Amino acid sequence: MLSDAERRTASQLEADLLSDAAFARSIHPSMSGLQTLSCPVLVGVGNDGAPAAVEWAAAEAAAMGSMLRLVHVVRYPVTPDLFGVVPGDPAAHLHQAAAEILDAAAARARRTSPALEVSACLLPGPASHVLRRESTHARLLVLGAPGPSWTGIRRLVQGSVPSRLTASAHCPVAVIHDGAPADHHDGRPPPVVVGVDGTDRSEAAVAFAFRAARRRHVGVTAVHAWTADHPADLEGMCAPAPTSEACARALTEAVVAPWRALYPDVPVQTEVVPCDPASALILGSPGAALVVVGSRMRGRALGAALPSISRTLLAGAAGPIAIVPRGALAPHRNTPRSR
């Protein structure tokens, strides 16, 4: 019998081998039966049922060839009595209400993707801690964004969960806003937009973006934000704005070139925008199928420690957002660096 550590290692190896289900199935048709062995797409289901997040995650899991795992986290109250502290009577009611929320979410997921394997689990504890732990064995964590009707204590408590998890989860995190999907512009499906800065942090985001675009049969728009150089010394020496812009364009093209070669069927467009990175991505978000940005992993960081670009995107972007921590993606067997 395998130990827990050996089982986790085996699970991770399966996820690495099957990180691209389409590739696995192309090796041999019988490999399609192994798709459910890969790590699942995990959904944090809140008290509102997270309908948009559940539907988006179900479609994504089906496209990935993964299972869907729905998790609802509940904190049971305790009430003091004359003999000490004991679980309060509302616990049974909370458990029943939570089970109904999960059942409704599972039914919604199955309606979205009837062939999808769906599991649901009710877990106790603080939501951010529990979901962070569960993300260890997930391919993707999907959360609902705080709604416009969230005010006061609800926004303070529940609204902080996405910020905490995008800073500390062990896998990419997608945050889904309620609302209609992106419009098709000029008759074309909306692209996947990804922020590019030339660092290894954005490399994971670019990898995620190209895979997401290929699954959707859409293109990738790589966005690089730049600002004109400021004088570097007292004599006012700095590069002219056209030179800075040309360097930014060259950097962006260099970053996407190997991925363009690896995914020749994915159309690629590059944009160099003269503003800060968060604003550039927010401007592109209304017409995007998904906005992807990289982020450093920060352990048990609080929302306040979340990199400002990711935090600003959570507050201002329209449509789905994916935040990909550096090192969170299993290496693809055909990534440019592995060639």
C-alpha atoms as a PDB file:
ATOM      1  CA  MET A   1       0.000   0.000   0.000  1.00  0.00           C
ATOM      2  CA  LEU A   2       1.276   3.430  -0.891  1.00  0.00           C
ATOM      3  CA  SER A   3       1.939   5.969   1.820  1.00  0.00           C
ATOM      4  CA  ASP A   4       0.257   9.380   1.656  1.00  0.00           C
ATOM      5  CA  ALA A   5       3.502  10.943   0.427  1.00  0.00           C
ATOM      6  CA  GLU A   6       3.916   8.294  -2.290  1.00  0.00           C
ATOM      7  CA  ARG A   7       0.281   8.702  -3.322  1.00  0.00           C
ATOM      8  CA  ARG A   8       0.739  12.471  -3.637  1.00  0.00           C
ATOM      9  CA  THR A   9       3.894  11.935  -5.701  1.00  0.00           C
ATOM     10  CA  ALA A  10       2.116   9.475  -7.990  1.00  0.00           C
ATOM     11  CA  SER A  11      -0.793  11.871  -8.391  1.00  0.00           C
ATOM     12  CA  GLN A  12       1.558  14.701  -9.341  1.00  0.00           C
ATOM     13  CA  LEU A  13       3.370  12.496 -11.869  1.00  0.00           C
ATOM     14  CA  GLU A  14       0.030  11.570 -13.438  1.00  0.00           C
ATOM     15  CA  ALA A  15      -0.877  15.238 -13.629  1.00  0.00           C
ATOM     16  CA  ASP A  16       2.452  16.062 -15.297  1.00  0.00           C
ATOM     17  CA  LEU A  17       2.021  13.305 -17.879  1.00  0.00           C
ATOM     18  CA  LEU A  18      -1.597  14.167 -18.562  1.00  0.00           C
ATOM     19  CA  SER A  19      -1.314  17.947 -18.272  1.00  0.00           C
ATOM     20  CA  ASP A  20      -2.415  18.073 -21.884  1.00  0.00           C
ATOM     21  CA  ALA A  21      -5.287  15.594 -22.195  1.00  0.00           C
ATOM     22  CA  ALA A  22      -5.480  16.080 -25.963  1.00  0.00           C
ATOM     23  CA  PHE A  23      -1.827  15.064 -26.264  1.00  0.00           C
ATOM     24  CA  ALA A  24      -2.440  11.991 -24.094  1.00  0.00           C
ATOM     25  CA  ARG A  25      -5.406  10.914 -26.212  1.00  0.00           C
ATOM     26  CA  SER A  26      -3.427  11.432 -29.409  1.00  0.00           C
ATOM     27  CA  ILE A  27      -0.889   8.819 -28.282  1.00  0.00           C
ATOM     28  CA  HIS A  28      -3.527   6.102 -28.148  1.00  0.00           C
ATOM     29  CA  PRO A  29      -7.333   6.224 -27.986  1.00  0.00           C
ATOM     30  CA  SER A  30      -7.311   4.183 -24.782  1.00  0.00           C
ATOM     31  CA  MET A  31      -5.550   7.060 -23.072  1.00  0.00           C
ATOM     32  CA  SER A  32      -8.844   8.962 -23.064  1.00  0.00           C
ATOM     33  CA  GLY A  33      -9.943   6.807 -20.141  1.00  0.00           C
ATOM     34  CA  LEU A  34      -7.018   8.104 -18.111  1.00  0.00           C
ATOM     35  CA  GLN A  35      -8.090  11.737 -18.318  1.00  0.00           C
ATOM     36  CA  THR A  36      -9.945  11.501 -14.995  1.00  0.00           C
ATOM     37  CA  LEU A  37      -6.711  10.466 -13.250  1.00  0.00           C
ATOM     38  CA  SER A  38      -5.291  13.947 -13.686  1.00  0.00           C
ATOM     39  CA  CYS A  39      -5.634  16.557 -10.998  1.00  0.00           C
ATOM     40  CA  PRO A  40      -9.118  18.078 -10.948  1.00  0.00           C
ATOM     41  CA  VAL A  41     -10.348  21.562 -11.611  1.00  0.00           C
ATOM     42  CA  LEU A  42     -11.302  22.825  -8.160  1.00  0.00           C
ATOM     43  CA  VAL A  43     -14.168  25.254  -7.536  1.00  0.00           C
ATOM     44  CA  GLY A  44     -14.703  27.166  -4.318  1.00  0.00           C
ATOM     45  CA  VAL A  45     -18.488  27.348  -3.988  1.00  0.00           C
ATOM     46  CA  GLY A  46     -19.664  30.199  -1.780  1.00  0.00           C
ATOM     47  CA  ASN A  47     -22.996  30.737  -0.081  1.00  0.00           C
ATOM     48  CA  ASP A  48     -24.428  32.206  -3.289  1.00  0.00           C
ATOM     49  CA  GLY A  49     -23.605  29.002  -5.166  1.00  0.00           C
ATOM     50  CA  ALA A  50     -21.095  30.799  -7.442  1.00  0.00           C
ATOM     51  CA  PRO A  51     -23.194  30.036 -10.557  1.00  0.00           C
ATOM     52  CA  ALA A  52     -20.926  31.802 -13.040  1.00  0.00           C
ATOM     53  CA  ALA A  53     -17.798  30.202 -11.564  1.00  0.00           C
ATOM     54  CA  VAL A  54     -19.354  26.724 -11.569  1.00  0.00           C
ATOM     55  CA  GLU A  55     -20.498  26.970 -15.193  1.00  0.00           C
ATOM     56  CA  TRP A  56     -17.161  28.385 -16.348  1.00  0.00           C
ATOM     57  CA  ALA A  57     -15.206  25.739 -14.431  1.00  0.00           C
ATOM     58  CA  ALA A  58     -17.380  22.909 -15.761  1.00  0.00           C
ATOM     59  CA  ALA A  59     -16.748  23.973 -19.349  1.00  0.00           C
ATOM     60  CA  GLU A  60     -13.035  24.414 -18.645  1.00  0.00           C
ATOM     61  CA  ALA A  61     -12.694  21.019 -16.945  1.00  0.00           C
ATOM     62  CA  ALA A  62     -14.463  19.324 -19.846  1.00  0.00           C
ATOM     63  CA  ALA A  63     -12.117  21.006 -22.329  1.00  0.00           C
ATOM     64  CA  MET A  64      -9.084  20.042 -20.231  1.00  0.00           C
ATOM     65  CA  GLY A  65     -10.251  16.456 -19.846  1.00  0.00           C
ATOM     66  CA  SER A  66     -10.233  16.763 -16.049  1.00  0.00           C
ATOM     67  CA  MET A  67     -12.642  16.006 -13.258  1.00  0.00           C
ATOM     68  CA  LEU A  68     -14.476  18.836 -11.516  1.00  0.00           C
ATOM     69  CA  ARG A  69     -14.288  19.037  -7.729  1.00  0.00           C
ATOM     70  CA  LEU A  70     -16.719  21.346  -5.951  1.00  0.00           C
ATOM     71  CA  VAL A  71     -15.787  22.419  -2.428  1.00  0.00           C
ATOM     72  CA  HIS A  72     -17.964  24.374  -0.028  1.00  0.00           C
ATOM     73  CA  VAL A  73     -16.300  25.501   3.184  1.00  0.00           C
ATOM     74  CA  VAL A  74     -18.314  26.158   6.320  1.00  0.00           C
ATOM     75  CA  ARG A  75     -17.308  27.367   9.771  1.00  0.00           C
ATOM     76  CA  TYR A  76     -19.516  25.807  12.407  1.00  0.00           C
ATOM     77  CA  PRO A  77     -20.400  28.094  15.316  1.00  0.00           C
ATOM     78  CA  VAL A  78     -19.803  27.317  18.959  1.00  0.00           C
ATOM     79  CA  THR A  79     -21.919  28.582  21.825  1.00  0.00           C
ATOM     80  CA  PRO A  80     -20.960  28.657  25.498  1.00  0.00           C
ATOM     81  CA  ASP A  81     -23.029  26.882  28.120  1.00  0.00           C
ATOM     82  CA  LEU A  82     -22.679  26.407  31.853  1.00  0.00           C
ATOM     83  CA  PHE A  83     -20.328  23.459  31.378  1.00  0.00           C
ATOM     84  CA  GLY A  84     -17.980  24.875  28.757  1.00  0.00           C
ATOM     85  CA  VAL A  85     -17.933  25.479  25.022  1.00  0.00           C
ATOM     86  CA  VAL A  86     -19.892  23.051  22.859  1.00  0.00           C
ATOM     87  CA  PRO A  87     -21.024  23.080  19.234  1.00  0.00           C
ATOM     88  CA  GLY A  88     -24.050  25.290  18.821  1.00  0.00           C
ATOM     89  CA  ASP A  89     -27.441  24.120  17.627  1.00  0.00           C
ATOM     90  CA  PRO A  90     -27.165  26.048  14.312  1.00  0.00           C
ATOM     91  CA  ALA A  91     -24.494  23.575  13.153  1.00  0.00           C
ATOM     92  CA  ALA A  92     -27.029  21.048  11.887  1.00  0.00           C
ATOM     93  CA  HIS A  93     -28.908  23.733   9.972  1.00  0.00           C
ATOM     94  CA  LEU A  94     -25.661  25.031   8.455  1.00  0.00           C
ATOM     95  CA  HIS A  95     -24.692  21.535   7.353  1.00  0.00           C
ATOM     96  CA  GLN A  96     -28.038  21.003   5.638  1.00  0.00           C
ATOM     97  CA  ALA A  97     -27.919  24.405   3.944  1.00  0.00           C
ATOM     98  CA  ALA A  98     -24.352  23.775   2.770  1.00  0.00           C
ATOM     99  CA  ALA A  99     -25.317  20.375   1.363  1.00  0.00           C
ATOM    100  CA  GLU A 100     -28.144  21.984  -0.602  1.00  0.00           C
ATOM    101  CA  ILE A 101     -25.737  24.590  -2.003  1.00  0.00           C
ATOM    102  CA  LEU A 102     -23.352  21.847  -3.142  1.00  0.00           C
ATOM    103  CA  ASP A 103     -26.141  19.748  -4.665  1.00  0.00           C
ATOM    104  CA  ALA A 104     -27.365  22.740  -6.661  1.00  0.00           C
ATOM    105  CA  ALA A 105     -23.828  23.541  -7.832  1.00  0.00           C
ATOM    106  CA  ALA A 106     -23.224  19.935  -8.905  1.00  0.00           C
ATOM    107  CA  ALA A 107     -26.496  19.891 -10.840  1.00  0.00           C
ATOM    108  CA  ARG A 108     -25.528  23.146 -12.564  1.00  0.00           C
ATOM    109  CA  ALA A 109     -22.125  21.731 -13.515  1.00  0.00           C
ATOM    110  CA  ARG A 110     -23.679  18.579 -14.985  1.00  0.00           C
ATOM    111  CA  ARG A 111     -26.143  20.645 -17.006  1.00  0.00           C
ATOM    112  CA  THR A 112     -23.232  22.636 -18.399  1.00  0.00           C
ATOM    113  CA  SER A 113     -21.136  19.555 -19.265  1.00  0.00           C
ATOM    114  CA  PRO A 114     -23.250  16.376 -19.064  1.00  0.00           C
ATOM    115  CA  ALA A 115     -20.315  13.992 -19.610  1.00  0.00           C
ATOM    116  CA  LEU A 116     -18.163  15.623 -16.930  1.00  0.00           C
ATOM    117  CA  GLU A 117     -17.213  13.671 -13.813  1.00  0.00           C
ATOM    118  CA  VAL A 118     -18.238  15.863 -10.856  1.00  0.00           C
ATOM    119  CA  SER A 119     -17.547  15.402  -7.158  1.00  0.00           C
ATOM    120  CA  ALA A 120     -18.660  17.618  -4.288  1.00  0.00           C
ATOM    121  CA  CYS A 121     -17.204  17.967  -0.823  1.00  0.00           C
ATOM    122  CA  LEU A 122     -18.173  19.893   2.309  1.00  0.00           C
ATOM    123  CA  LEU A 123     -15.166  20.869   4.420  1.00  0.00           C
ATOM    124  CA  PRO A 124     -14.902  22.749   7.730  1.00  0.00           C
ATOM    125  CA  GLY A 125     -12.565  25.641   8.461  1.00  0.00           C
ATOM    126  CA  PRO A 126     -11.553  29.075   7.161  1.00  0.00           C
ATOM    127  CA  ALA A 127     -12.261  29.229   3.429  1.00  0.00           C
ATOM    128  CA  SER A 128      -8.901  30.609   2.303  1.00  0.00           C
ATOM    129  CA  HIS A 129      -6.919  28.067   4.353  1.00  0.00           C
ATOM    130  CA  VAL A 130      -8.996  25.095   3.233  1.00  0.00           C
ATOM    131  CA  LEU A 131      -8.968  26.023  -0.460  1.00  0.00           C
ATOM    132  CA  ARG A 132      -5.257  26.750  -0.360  1.00  0.00           C
ATOM    133  CA  ARG A 133      -4.664  23.263   1.013  1.00  0.00           C
ATOM    134  CA  GLU A 134      -6.973  21.705  -1.573  1.00  0.00           C
ATOM    135  CA  SER A 135      -5.201  23.586  -4.382  1.00  0.00           C
ATOM    136  CA  THR A 136      -2.092  21.463  -3.803  1.00  0.00           C
ATOM    137  CA  HIS A 137      -3.538  18.719  -6.019  1.00  0.00           C
ATOM    138  CA  ALA A 138      -5.603  20.854  -8.401  1.00  0.00           C
ATOM    139  CA  ARG A 139      -4.858  21.869 -11.989  1.00  0.00           C
ATOM    140  CA  LEU A 140      -6.851  25.055 -11.573  1.00  0.00           C
ATOM    141  CA  LEU A 141      -8.744  26.764  -8.761  1.00  0.00           C
ATOM    142  CA  VAL A 142     -11.871  28.665  -9.827  1.00  0.00           C
ATOM    143  CA  LEU A 143     -13.527  31.279  -7.621  1.00  0.00           C
ATOM    144  CA  GLY A 144     -16.430  33.647  -8.009  1.00  0.00           C
ATOM    145  CA  ALA A 145     -15.630  37.353  -7.874  1.00  0.00           C
ATOM    146  CA  PRO A 146     -17.355  39.537  -5.262  1.00  0.00           C
ATOM    147  CA  GLY A 147     -20.633  40.756  -6.718  1.00  0.00           C
ATOM    148  CA  PRO A 148     -21.696  44.411  -6.948  1.00  0.00           C
ATOM    149  CA  SER A 149     -24.375  43.769  -4.334  1.00  0.00           C
ATOM    150  CA  TRP A 150     -21.802  42.663  -1.786  1.00  0.00           C
ATOM    151  CA  THR A 151     -21.472  45.321   0.863  1.00  0.00           C
ATOM    152  CA  GLY A 152     -20.259  45.736   4.393  1.00  0.00           C
ATOM    153  CA  ILE A 153     -19.091  42.705   6.322  1.00  0.00           C
ATOM    154  CA  ARG A 154     -19.800  40.250   3.488  1.00  0.00           C
ATOM    155  CA  ARG A 155     -17.391  42.002   1.127  1.00  0.00           C
ATOM    156  CA  LEU A 156     -14.836  42.334   3.925  1.00  0.00           C
ATOM    157  CA  VAL A 157     -14.937  38.642   4.852  1.00  0.00           C
ATOM    158  CA  GLN A 158     -15.841  36.726   1.679  1.00  0.00           C
ATOM    159  CA  GLY A 159     -14.415  39.238  -0.770  1.00  0.00           C
ATOM    160  CA  SER A 160     -10.937  38.794   0.685  1.00  0.00           C
ATOM    161  CA  VAL A 161     -10.832  35.091  -0.228  1.00  0.00           C
ATOM    162  CA  PRO A 162      -9.921  35.602  -3.930  1.00  0.00           C
ATOM    163  CA  SER A 163      -7.204  38.100  -2.987  1.00  0.00           C
ATOM    164  CA  ARG A 164      -5.693  35.725  -0.447  1.00  0.00           C
ATOM    165  CA  LEU A 165      -5.794  32.714  -2.733  1.00  0.00           C
ATOM    166  CA  THR A 166      -4.414  34.406  -5.834  1.00  0.00           C
ATOM    167  CA  ALA A 167      -1.417  35.259  -3.661  1.00  0.00           C
ATOM    168  CA  SER A 168      -0.964  31.871  -2.017  1.00  0.00           C
ATOM    169  CA  ALA A 169      -2.600  29.010  -3.966  1.00  0.00           C
ATOM    170  CA  HIS A 170      -0.438  26.199  -5.316  1.00  0.00           C
ATOM    171  CA  CYS A 171      -2.043  26.273  -8.768  1.00  0.00           C
ATOM    172  CA  PRO A 172      -3.353  28.890 -11.204  1.00  0.00           C
ATOM    173  CA  VAL A 173      -6.437  30.714  -9.930  1.00  0.00           C
ATOM    174  CA  ALA A 174      -9.304  31.878 -12.146  1.00  0.00           C
ATOM    175  CA  VAL A 175     -11.684  34.519 -10.802  1.00  0.00           C
ATOM    176  CA  ILE A 176     -15.011  34.676 -12.608  1.00  0.00           C
ATOM    177  CA  HIS A 177     -17.302  37.700 -12.626  1.00  0.00           C
ATOM    178  CA  ASP A 178     -21.023  37.376 -13.148  1.00  0.00           C
ATOM    179  CA  GLY A 179     -22.238  38.715 -16.476  1.00  0.00           C
ATOM    180  CA  ALA A 180     -22.427  37.983 -20.158  1.00  0.00           C
ATOM    181  CA  PRO A 181     -19.444  36.505 -22.024  1.00  0.00           C
ATOM    182  CA  ALA A 182     -17.241  38.721 -24.122  1.00  0.00           C
ATOM    183  CA  ASP A 183     -18.713  39.942 -27.407  1.00  0.00           C
ATOM    184  CA  HIS A 184     -17.333  38.773 -30.719  1.00  0.00           C
ATOM    185  CA  HIS A 185     -15.579  41.652 -32.401  1.00  0.00           C
ATOM    186  CA  ASP A 186     -15.606  41.852 -36.196  1.00  0.00           C
ATOM    187  CA  GLY A 187     -17.169  38.405 -36.292  1.00  0.00           C
ATOM    188  CA  ARG A 188     -14.159  36.845 -34.567  1.00  0.00           C
ATOM    189  CA  PRO A 189     -14.228  35.036 -31.221  1.00  0.00           C
ATOM    190  CA  PRO A 190     -12.634  36.971 -28.351  1.00  0.00           C
ATOM    191  CA  PRO A 191      -8.946  36.200 -27.732  1.00  0.00           C
ATOM    192  CA  VAL A 192      -7.087  35.190 -24.612  1.00  0.00           C
ATOM    193  CA  VAL A 193      -5.190  38.266 -23.403  1.00  0.00           C
ATOM    194  CA  VAL A 194      -1.936  37.765 -21.502  1.00  0.00           C
ATOM    195  CA  GLY A 195       0.382  40.234 -19.826  1.00  0.00           C
ATOM    196  CA  VAL A 196       4.020  39.934 -20.905  1.00  0.00           C
ATOM    197  CA  ASP A 197       7.033  41.471 -19.184  1.00  0.00           C
ATOM    198  CA  GLY A 198       9.874  39.187 -20.282  1.00  0.00           C
ATOM    199  CA  THR A 199      10.436  37.583 -16.869  1.00  0.00           C
ATOM    200  CA  ASP A 200      10.010  33.950 -15.833  1.00  0.00           C
ATOM    201  CA  ARG A 201       6.928  35.104 -13.941  1.00  0.00           C
ATOM    202  CA  SER A 202       5.184  35.965 -17.199  1.00  0.00           C
ATOM    203  CA  GLU A 203       6.477  32.818 -18.919  1.00  0.00           C
ATOM    204  CA  ALA A 204       4.113  30.664 -16.835  1.00  0.00           C
ATOM    205  CA  ALA A 205       1.272  33.020 -17.732  1.00  0.00           C
ATOM    206  CA  VAL A 206       2.119  32.828 -21.449  1.00  0.00           C
ATOM    207  CA  ALA A 207       2.155  29.014 -21.303  1.00  0.00           C
ATOM    208  CA  PHE A 208      -1.246  29.025 -19.592  1.00  0.00           C
ATOM    209  CA  ALA A 209      -2.628  31.506 -22.130  1.00  0.00           C
ATOM    210  CA  PHE A 210      -1.559  29.515 -25.190  1.00  0.00           C
ATOM    211  CA  ARG A 211      -3.012  26.287 -23.816  1.00  0.00           C
ATOM    212  CA  ALA A 212      -6.263  28.063 -22.943  1.00  0.00           C
ATOM    213  CA  ALA A 213      -6.447  29.621 -26.415  1.00  0.00           C
ATOM    214  CA  ARG A 214      -5.852  26.321 -28.165  1.00  0.00           C
ATOM    215  CA  ARG A 215      -8.635  24.662 -26.160  1.00  0.00           C
ATOM    216  CA  ARG A 216     -10.986  27.487 -27.167  1.00  0.00           C
ATOM    217  CA  HIS A 217      -9.784  27.619 -30.789  1.00  0.00           C
ATOM    218  CA  VAL A 218      -9.083  31.337 -30.424  1.00  0.00           C
ATOM    219  CA  GLY A 219      -6.037  33.574 -30.660  1.00  0.00           C
ATOM    220  CA  VAL A 220      -3.688  35.065 -28.086  1.00  0.00           C
ATOM    221  CA  THR A 221      -3.127  38.784 -27.623  1.00  0.00           C
ATOM    222  CA  ALA A 222       0.138  39.429 -25.784  1.00  0.00           C
ATOM    223  CA  VAL A 223       0.130  42.830 -24.078  1.00  0.00           C
ATOM    224  CA  HIS A 224       3.259  44.608 -22.905  1.00  0.00           C
ATOM    225  CA  ALA A 225       2.977  47.918 -21.078  1.00  0.00           C
ATOM    226  CA  TRP A 226       5.752  50.448 -21.330  1.00  0.00           C
ATOM    227  CA  THR A 227       6.495  53.984 -20.238  1.00  0.00           C
ATOM    228  CA  ALA A 228       8.983  56.458 -21.647  1.00  0.00           C
ATOM    229  CA  ASP A 229      12.407  56.414 -20.000  1.00  0.00           C
ATOM    230  CA  HIS A 230      13.131  59.043 -17.396  1.00  0.00           C
ATOM    231  CA  PRO A 231      16.501  60.797 -17.277  1.00  0.00           C
ATOM    232  CA  ALA A 232      19.071  58.528 -15.656  1.00  0.00           C
ATOM    233  CA  ASP A 233      21.423  61.310 -14.559  1.00  0.00           C
ATOM    234  CA  LEU A 234      21.644  65.043 -13.988  1.00  0.00           C
ATOM    235  CA  GLU A 235      22.376  65.655 -17.655  1.00  0.00           C
ATOM    236  CA  GLY A 236      18.974  64.268 -18.648  1.00  0.00           C
ATOM    237  CA  MET A 237      20.307  61.332 -20.656  1.00  0.00           C
ATOM    238  CA  CYS A 238      17.576  58.835 -21.576  1.00  0.00           C
ATOM    239  CA  ALA A 239      16.382  56.868 -24.561  1.00  0.00           C
ATOM    240  CA  PRO A 240      13.957  58.640 -26.906  1.00  0.00           C
ATOM    241  CA  ALA A 241      10.369  57.454 -26.669  1.00  0.00           C
ATOM    242  CA  PRO A 242      10.416  55.768 -30.118  1.00  0.00           C
ATOM    243  CA  THR A 243      13.493  53.802 -29.078  1.00  0.00           C
ATOM    244  CA  SER A 244      11.856  52.683 -25.841  1.00  0.00           C
ATOM    245  CA  GLU A 245       8.746  51.624 -27.719  1.00  0.00           C
ATOM    246  CA  ALA A 246      10.782  49.706 -30.291  1.00  0.00           C
ATOM    247  CA  CYS A 247      12.604  47.873 -27.501  1.00  0.00           C
ATOM    248  CA  ALA A 248       9.278  47.013 -25.888  1.00  0.00           C
ATOM    249  CA  ARG A 249       7.957  45.614 -29.163  1.00  0.00           C
ATOM    250  CA  ALA A 250      11.122  43.574 -29.697  1.00  0.00           C
ATOM    251  CA  LEU A 251      10.855  42.161 -26.181  1.00  0.00           C
ATOM    252  CA  THR A 252       7.224  41.181 -26.679  1.00  0.00           C
ATOM    253  CA  GLU A 253       7.920  39.480 -29.999  1.00  0.00           C
ATOM    254  CA  ALA A 254      10.875  37.612 -28.492  1.00  0.00           C
ATOM    255  CA  VAL A 255       8.734  36.302 -25.639  1.00  0.00           C
ATOM    256  CA  VAL A 256       5.934  34.977 -27.858  1.00  0.00           C
ATOM    257  CA  ALA A 257       8.133  33.692 -30.717  1.00  0.00           C
ATOM    258  CA  PRO A 258       8.847  30.214 -29.266  1.00  0.00           C
ATOM    259  CA  TRP A 259       5.211  29.779 -28.244  1.00  0.00           C
ATOM    260  CA  ARG A 260       4.059  30.883 -31.684  1.00  0.00           C
ATOM    261  CA  ALA A 261       6.240  28.107 -33.121  1.00  0.00           C
ATOM    262  CA  LEU A 262       4.989  25.547 -30.594  1.00  0.00           C
ATOM    263  CA  TYR A 263       1.323  26.382 -31.252  1.00  0.00           C
ATOM    264  CA  PRO A 264       1.240  27.261 -34.971  1.00  0.00           C
ATOM    265  CA  ASP A 265      -2.555  26.891 -35.060  1.00  0.00           C
ATOM    266  CA  VAL A 266      -3.026  29.654 -32.462  1.00  0.00           C
ATOM    267  CA  PRO A 267      -3.165  33.165 -34.000  1.00  0.00           C
ATOM    268  CA  VAL A 268      -0.977  35.634 -32.118  1.00  0.00           C
ATOM    269  CA  GLN A 269      -1.211  39.398 -31.897  1.00  0.00           C
ATOM    270  CA  THR A 270       1.128  41.611 -29.879  1.00  0.00           C
ATOM    271  CA  GLU A 271       0.263  44.983 -28.407  1.00  0.00           C
ATOM    272  CA  VAL A 272       2.575  47.514 -26.792  1.00  0.00           C
ATOM    273  CA  VAL A 273       0.565  49.937 -24.689  1.00  0.00           C
ATOM    274  CA  PRO A 274       1.996  53.200 -23.268  1.00  0.00           C
ATOM    275  CA  CYS A 275       0.624  52.923 -19.726  1.00  0.00           C
ATOM    276  CA  ASP A 276       1.013  50.886 -16.562  1.00  0.00           C
ATOM    277  CA  PRO A 277       0.523  47.091 -16.813  1.00  0.00           C
ATOM    278  CA  ALA A 278      -2.705  46.878 -14.805  1.00  0.00           C
ATOM    279  CA  SER A 279      -4.385  49.603 -16.856  1.00  0.00           C
ATOM    280  CA  ALA A 280      -3.267  47.983 -20.115  1.00  0.00           C
ATOM    281  CA  LEU A 281      -4.847  44.659 -19.161  1.00  0.00           C
ATOM    282  CA  ILE A 282      -8.011  46.240 -17.798  1.00  0.00           C
ATOM    283  CA  LEU A 283      -8.446  48.133 -21.084  1.00  0.00           C
ATOM    284  CA  GLY A 284      -8.220  44.849 -22.985  1.00  0.00           C
ATOM    285  CA  SER A 285     -10.439  42.839 -20.653  1.00  0.00           C
ATOM    286  CA  PRO A 286     -13.928  43.744 -22.001  1.00  0.00           C
ATOM    287  CA  GLY A 287     -13.204  42.054 -25.334  1.00  0.00           C
ATOM    288  CA  ALA A 288     -11.278  39.072 -23.946  1.00  0.00           C
ATOM    289  CA  ALA A 289     -12.312  35.469 -23.406  1.00  0.00           C
ATOM    290  CA  LEU A 290      -9.796  35.376 -20.547  1.00  0.00           C
ATOM    291  CA  VAL A 291      -7.158  37.715 -19.127  1.00  0.00           C
ATOM    292  CA  VAL A 292      -4.021  35.974 -17.858  1.00  0.00           C
ATOM    293  CA  VAL A 293      -1.311  37.478 -15.690  1.00  0.00           C
ATOM    294  CA  GLY A 294       1.647  36.000 -13.838  1.00  0.00           C
ATOM    295  CA  SER A 295       2.312  36.355 -10.151  1.00  0.00           C
ATOM    296  CA  ARG A 296       4.962  35.346  -7.667  1.00  0.00           C
ATOM    297  CA  MET A 297       3.939  32.742  -5.115  1.00  0.00           C
ATOM    298  CA  ARG A 298       4.052  34.252  -1.621  1.00  0.00           C
ATOM    299  CA  GLY A 299       3.205  31.382   0.695  1.00  0.00           C
ATOM    300  CA  ARG A 300       0.650  32.352   3.332  1.00  0.00           C
ATOM    301  CA  ALA A 301       0.540  35.930   2.140  1.00  0.00           C
ATOM    302  CA  LEU A 302      -2.394  38.156   2.969  1.00  0.00           C
ATOM    303  CA  GLY A 303      -4.307  40.021   0.322  1.00  0.00           C
ATOM    304  CA  ALA A 304      -2.281  43.131   1.112  1.00  0.00           C
ATOM    305  CA  ALA A 305       0.831  41.316  -0.110  1.00  0.00           C
ATOM    306  CA  LEU A 306      -0.692  40.461  -3.459  1.00  0.00           C
ATOM    307  CA  PRO A 307       1.262  42.093  -6.291  1.00  0.00           C
ATOM    308  CA  SER A 308      -0.436  45.329  -7.250  1.00  0.00           C
ATOM    309  CA  ILE A 309      -1.138  44.298 -10.863  1.00  0.00           C
ATOM    310  CA  SER A 310      -3.099  41.218  -9.821  1.00  0.00           C
ATOM    311  CA  ARG A 311      -4.906  43.080  -7.076  1.00  0.00           C
ATOM    312  CA  THR A 312      -5.890  45.895  -9.444  1.00  0.00           C
ATOM    313  CA  LEU A 313      -7.107  43.397 -12.047  1.00  0.00           C
ATOM    314  CA  LEU A 314      -9.333  41.697  -9.490  1.00  0.00           C
ATOM    315  CA  ALA A 315     -10.971  45.027  -8.763  1.00  0.00           C
ATOM    316  CA  GLY A 316     -11.192  46.497 -12.257  1.00  0.00           C
ATOM    317  CA  ALA A 317     -11.122  43.880 -15.027  1.00  0.00           C
ATOM    318  CA  ALA A 318     -14.237  42.697 -16.820  1.00  0.00           C
ATOM    319  CA  GLY A 319     -14.688  39.007 -17.524  1.00  0.00           C
ATOM    320  CA  PRO A 320     -12.666  35.986 -16.391  1.00  0.00           C
ATOM    321  CA  ILE A 321      -9.179  36.502 -14.962  1.00  0.00           C
ATOM    322  CA  ALA A 322      -6.479  33.860 -14.468  1.00  0.00           C
ATOM    323  CA  ILE A 323      -3.546  34.532 -12.159  1.00  0.00           C
ATOM    324  CA  VAL A 324      -0.704  32.077 -12.666  1.00  0.00           C
ATOM    325  CA  PRO A 325       1.957  31.830  -9.946  1.00  0.00           C
ATOM    326  CA  ARG A 326       5.500  31.258 -11.097  1.00  0.00           C
ATOM    327  CA  GLY A 327       6.232  27.541 -10.905  1.00  0.00           C
ATOM    328  CA  ALA A 328       2.583  26.578 -10.409  1.00  0.00           C
ATOM    329  CA  LEU A 329       2.238  24.919 -13.824  1.00  0.00           C
ATOM    330  CA  ALA A 330       3.551  21.451 -14.417  1.00  0.00           C
ATOM    331  CA  PRO A 331       6.165  21.680 -17.200  1.00  0.00           C
ATOM    332  CA  HIS A 332       4.724  20.773 -20.585  1.00  0.00           C
ATOM    333  CA  ARG A 333       6.706  18.077 -22.345  1.00  0.00           C
ATOM    334  CA  ASN A 334       6.981  20.357 -25.405  1.00  0.00           C
ATOM    335  CA  THR A 335       7.590  23.738 -23.837  1.00  0.00           C
ATOM    336  CA  PRO A 336      10.108  25.887 -25.689  1.00  0.00           C
ATOM    337  CA  ARG A 337      12.725  25.516 -22.959  1.00  0.00           C
ATOM    338  CA  SER A 338      12.478  21.726 -22.991  1.00  0.00           C
ATOM    339  CA  ARG A 339      13.290  21.444 -26.669  1.00  0.00           C
END
